[in-house]
């Protein structure tokens, strides 16, 4: 079975070989129909040398720690340099 892959933006890279990836999705209210943005944060193992602001693809992996169950597979888009 292929592992699930999702894309998100790195919001923190303060840890060694770990990053926090924020994944945003839109849900629709059942009664009123208004769409809302919801954000989930995932801890991911980072061997790709990705930095804050990069859009990355993460895939499910074996549990590496108490909260880290994802791994960065590729950098989709680099962050813009100011």
N, C-alpha and C. Protein backbone atom coordinates (compact mmCIF):
# COMPACT_ATOMS: atom_id res chain seq x y z
N UNK A 1 0.84 -1.19 0.00
CA UNK A 1 0.00 0.00 0.00
C UNK A 1 0.88 1.24 0.00
N UNK A 2 0.59 2.18 -0.87
CA UNK A 2 1.36 3.41 -0.96
C UNK A 2 1.06 4.29 0.24
N UNK A 3 2.11 4.97 0.72
CA UNK A 3 1.89 5.85 1.87
C UNK A 3 1.24 7.15 1.42
N UNK A 4 0.46 7.75 2.28
CA UNK A 4 -0.24 8.99 1.99
C UNK A 4 0.77 10.14 1.93
N UNK A 5 0.61 11.02 0.94
CA UNK A 5 1.50 12.17 0.80
C UNK A 5 0.67 13.44 0.75
N UNK A 6 1.06 14.44 1.56
CA UNK A 6 0.37 15.72 1.59
C UNK A 6 1.40 16.83 1.50
N UNK A 7 0.96 18.04 1.11
CA UNK A 7 1.88 19.16 1.01
C UNK A 7 1.52 20.21 2.04
N UNK A 8 2.53 20.92 2.52
CA UNK A 8 2.33 21.97 3.50
C UNK A 8 3.53 22.89 3.54
N UNK A 9 3.48 23.87 4.42
CA UNK A 9 4.54 24.88 4.55
C UNK A 9 5.25 24.67 5.89
N UNK A 10 6.57 24.75 5.86
CA UNK A 10 7.36 24.61 7.09
C UNK A 10 7.22 25.88 7.91
N UNK A 11 6.82 25.74 9.17
CA UNK A 11 6.65 26.89 10.05
C UNK A 11 7.72 26.95 11.13
N UNK A 12 8.46 25.85 11.35
CA UNK A 12 9.54 25.86 12.34
C UNK A 12 10.58 24.82 11.95
N UNK A 13 11.86 25.21 12.09
CA UNK A 13 12.96 24.26 11.85
C UNK A 13 14.02 24.36 12.95
N UNK A 14 13.59 24.65 14.16
CA UNK A 14 14.51 24.86 15.28
C UNK A 14 15.12 23.56 15.81
N UNK A 15 14.54 22.41 15.45
CA UNK A 15 15.02 21.13 15.97
C UNK A 15 16.07 20.53 15.04
N UNK A 16 16.81 19.55 15.54
CA UNK A 16 17.78 18.83 14.71
C UNK A 16 17.05 17.78 13.90
N UNK A 17 17.14 17.88 12.56
CA UNK A 17 16.56 16.92 11.62
C UNK A 17 15.04 16.79 11.75
N UNK A 18 14.38 17.78 12.31
CA UNK A 18 12.91 17.76 12.42
C UNK A 18 12.36 19.13 12.04
N UNK A 19 11.18 19.14 11.46
CA UNK A 19 10.51 20.39 11.11
C UNK A 19 9.03 20.27 11.47
N UNK A 20 8.38 21.42 11.64
CA UNK A 20 6.94 21.46 11.85
C UNK A 20 6.32 21.94 10.54
N UNK A 21 5.41 21.13 10.00
CA UNK A 21 4.77 21.43 8.71
C UNK A 21 3.30 21.73 8.97
N UNK A 22 2.84 22.91 8.50
CA UNK A 22 1.44 23.30 8.63
C UNK A 22 0.72 22.95 7.33
N UNK A 23 -0.32 22.13 7.45
CA UNK A 23 -1.11 21.71 6.29
C UNK A 23 -2.47 22.37 6.42
N UNK A 24 -2.85 23.11 5.39
CA UNK A 24 -4.11 23.85 5.40
C UNK A 24 -5.13 23.15 4.51
N UNK A 25 -6.38 23.08 4.99
CA UNK A 25 -7.45 22.49 4.20
C UNK A 25 -8.70 23.35 4.36
N UNK A 26 -9.62 23.21 3.43
CA UNK A 26 -10.87 23.95 3.50
C UNK A 26 -11.99 22.98 3.78
N UNK A 27 -12.85 23.35 4.74
CA UNK A 27 -14.02 22.54 5.03
C UNK A 27 -15.25 23.41 4.81
N UNK A 28 -16.34 22.77 4.53
CA UNK A 28 -17.58 23.49 4.25
C UNK A 28 -18.55 23.25 5.39
N UNK A 29 -19.15 24.33 5.91
CA UNK A 29 -20.13 24.20 6.98
C UNK A 29 -21.36 23.46 6.44
N UNK A 30 -21.81 22.47 7.21
CA UNK A 30 -22.91 21.63 6.75
C UNK A 30 -24.23 22.40 6.63
N UNK A 31 -24.47 23.33 7.54
CA UNK A 31 -25.75 24.04 7.54
C UNK A 31 -25.73 25.28 6.65
N UNK A 32 -24.71 26.12 6.81
CA UNK A 32 -24.69 27.41 6.12
C UNK A 32 -23.89 27.42 4.82
N UNK A 33 -23.03 26.44 4.62
CA UNK A 33 -22.30 26.36 3.36
C UNK A 33 -21.05 27.21 3.29
N UNK A 34 -20.73 27.96 4.33
CA UNK A 34 -19.54 28.81 4.32
C UNK A 34 -18.28 27.93 4.44
N UNK A 35 -17.25 28.27 3.66
CA UNK A 35 -16.01 27.51 3.74
C UNK A 35 -15.10 28.12 4.78
N UNK A 36 -14.41 27.26 5.52
CA UNK A 36 -13.47 27.70 6.55
C UNK A 36 -12.13 27.04 6.30
N UNK A 37 -11.04 27.74 6.66
CA UNK A 37 -9.71 27.17 6.56
C UNK A 37 -9.31 26.57 7.89
N UNK A 38 -8.87 25.34 7.88
CA UNK A 38 -8.39 24.67 9.08
C UNK A 38 -6.93 24.29 8.85
N UNK A 39 -6.12 24.41 9.89
CA UNK A 39 -4.70 24.11 9.81
C UNK A 39 -4.35 22.99 10.77
N UNK A 40 -3.59 22.02 10.28
CA UNK A 40 -3.06 20.95 11.11
C UNK A 40 -1.54 21.04 11.07
N UNK A 41 -0.90 20.81 12.20
CA UNK A 41 0.56 20.84 12.26
C UNK A 41 1.08 19.42 12.47
N UNK A 42 2.09 19.06 11.67
CA UNK A 42 2.70 17.74 11.75
C UNK A 42 4.20 17.89 11.98
N UNK A 43 4.77 17.06 12.84
CA UNK A 43 6.22 16.98 12.99
C UNK A 43 6.74 16.01 11.94
N UNK A 44 7.77 16.41 11.21
CA UNK A 44 8.29 15.57 10.13
C UNK A 44 9.81 15.49 10.21
N UNK A 45 10.34 14.33 9.83
CA UNK A 45 11.79 14.12 9.77
C UNK A 45 12.31 14.80 8.52
N UNK A 46 13.40 15.58 8.66
CA UNK A 46 13.89 16.42 7.57
C UNK A 46 15.34 16.06 7.24
N UNK A 47 15.53 15.30 6.16
CA UNK A 47 16.88 15.04 5.64
C UNK A 47 17.12 15.85 4.36
N UNK A 48 16.11 16.59 3.88
CA UNK A 48 16.19 17.32 2.62
C UNK A 48 16.77 18.72 2.77
N UNK A 49 17.13 19.13 3.97
CA UNK A 49 17.67 20.46 4.26
C UNK A 49 16.67 21.55 3.87
N UNK A 50 15.41 21.37 4.22
CA UNK A 50 14.36 22.35 3.95
C UNK A 50 14.34 23.38 5.08
N UNK A 51 13.97 24.60 4.75
CA UNK A 51 13.98 25.71 5.70
C UNK A 51 12.57 26.26 5.89
N UNK A 52 12.43 27.21 6.83
CA UNK A 52 11.14 27.83 7.11
C UNK A 52 10.63 28.55 5.86
N UNK A 53 9.36 28.37 5.55
CA UNK A 53 8.74 29.01 4.40
C UNK A 53 8.70 28.14 3.17
N UNK A 54 9.48 27.05 3.14
CA UNK A 54 9.46 26.15 1.98
C UNK A 54 8.16 25.35 1.96
N UNK A 55 7.63 25.14 0.76
CA UNK A 55 6.48 24.24 0.60
C UNK A 55 7.05 22.86 0.32
N UNK A 56 6.68 21.88 1.15
CA UNK A 56 7.24 20.54 1.06
C UNK A 56 6.14 19.49 0.97
N UNK A 57 6.50 18.33 0.46
CA UNK A 57 5.62 17.17 0.46
C UNK A 57 6.09 16.25 1.58
N UNK A 58 5.14 15.80 2.41
CA UNK A 58 5.48 14.88 3.49
C UNK A 58 4.69 13.59 3.30
N UNK A 59 5.30 12.47 3.72
CA UNK A 59 4.66 11.17 3.57
C UNK A 59 4.64 10.47 4.92
N UNK A 60 3.64 9.61 5.11
CA UNK A 60 3.55 8.83 6.34
C UNK A 60 4.75 7.88 6.43
N UNK A 61 5.22 7.67 7.66
CA UNK A 61 6.35 6.78 7.90
C UNK A 61 6.15 6.08 9.23
N UNK A 62 7.11 5.26 9.58
CA UNK A 62 7.04 4.59 10.88
C UNK A 62 7.21 5.62 11.99
N UNK A 63 6.72 5.37 13.19
CA UNK A 63 6.91 6.31 14.29
C UNK A 63 8.39 6.45 14.65
N UNK A 64 8.89 7.69 14.60
CA UNK A 64 10.30 7.95 14.92
C UNK A 64 10.47 8.51 16.32
N UNK A 65 9.40 9.07 16.87
CA UNK A 65 9.41 9.55 18.25
C UNK A 65 7.96 9.58 18.71
N UNK A 66 7.72 10.23 19.84
CA UNK A 66 6.37 10.26 20.39
C UNK A 66 5.39 10.98 19.47
N UNK A 67 5.84 12.01 18.76
CA UNK A 67 4.93 12.80 17.91
C UNK A 67 5.32 12.80 16.43
N UNK A 68 6.48 12.28 16.08
CA UNK A 68 6.99 12.38 14.71
C UNK A 68 6.68 11.10 13.93
N UNK A 69 5.74 11.22 12.97
CA UNK A 69 5.33 10.08 12.16
C UNK A 69 5.31 10.39 10.67
N UNK A 70 5.92 11.47 10.26
CA UNK A 70 5.97 11.89 8.86
C UNK A 70 7.42 12.14 8.47
N UNK A 71 7.70 12.08 7.17
CA UNK A 71 9.04 12.36 6.66
C UNK A 71 8.92 13.27 5.43
N UNK A 72 9.83 14.24 5.33
CA UNK A 72 9.84 15.16 4.19
C UNK A 72 10.39 14.39 3.00
N UNK A 73 9.59 14.29 1.92
CA UNK A 73 10.02 13.54 0.74
C UNK A 73 10.66 14.45 -0.30
N UNK A 74 10.13 15.65 -0.49
CA UNK A 74 10.71 16.56 -1.49
C UNK A 74 10.31 17.99 -1.18
N UNK A 75 11.09 18.92 -1.68
CA UNK A 75 10.78 20.35 -1.57
C UNK A 75 10.06 20.74 -2.85
N UNK A 76 8.79 21.14 -2.71
CA UNK A 76 7.98 21.51 -3.86
C UNK A 76 8.34 22.91 -4.34
N UNK A 77 8.51 23.84 -3.40
CA UNK A 77 8.81 25.23 -3.74
C UNK A 77 9.64 25.85 -2.63
N UNK A 78 10.74 26.49 -3.02
CA UNK A 78 11.59 27.14 -2.03
C UNK A 78 10.98 28.46 -1.59
N UNK A 79 11.30 28.87 -0.36
CA UNK A 79 10.81 30.14 0.16
C UNK A 79 11.48 31.30 -0.58
N UNK A 80 10.76 32.38 -0.74
CA UNK A 80 11.32 33.56 -1.40
C UNK A 80 12.30 34.26 -0.46
N UNK A 81 13.46 34.62 -0.99
CA UNK A 81 14.47 35.33 -0.21
C UNK A 81 14.19 36.83 -0.28
N UNK A 82 14.32 37.49 0.86
CA UNK A 82 14.06 38.93 0.91
C UNK A 82 15.36 39.70 0.81
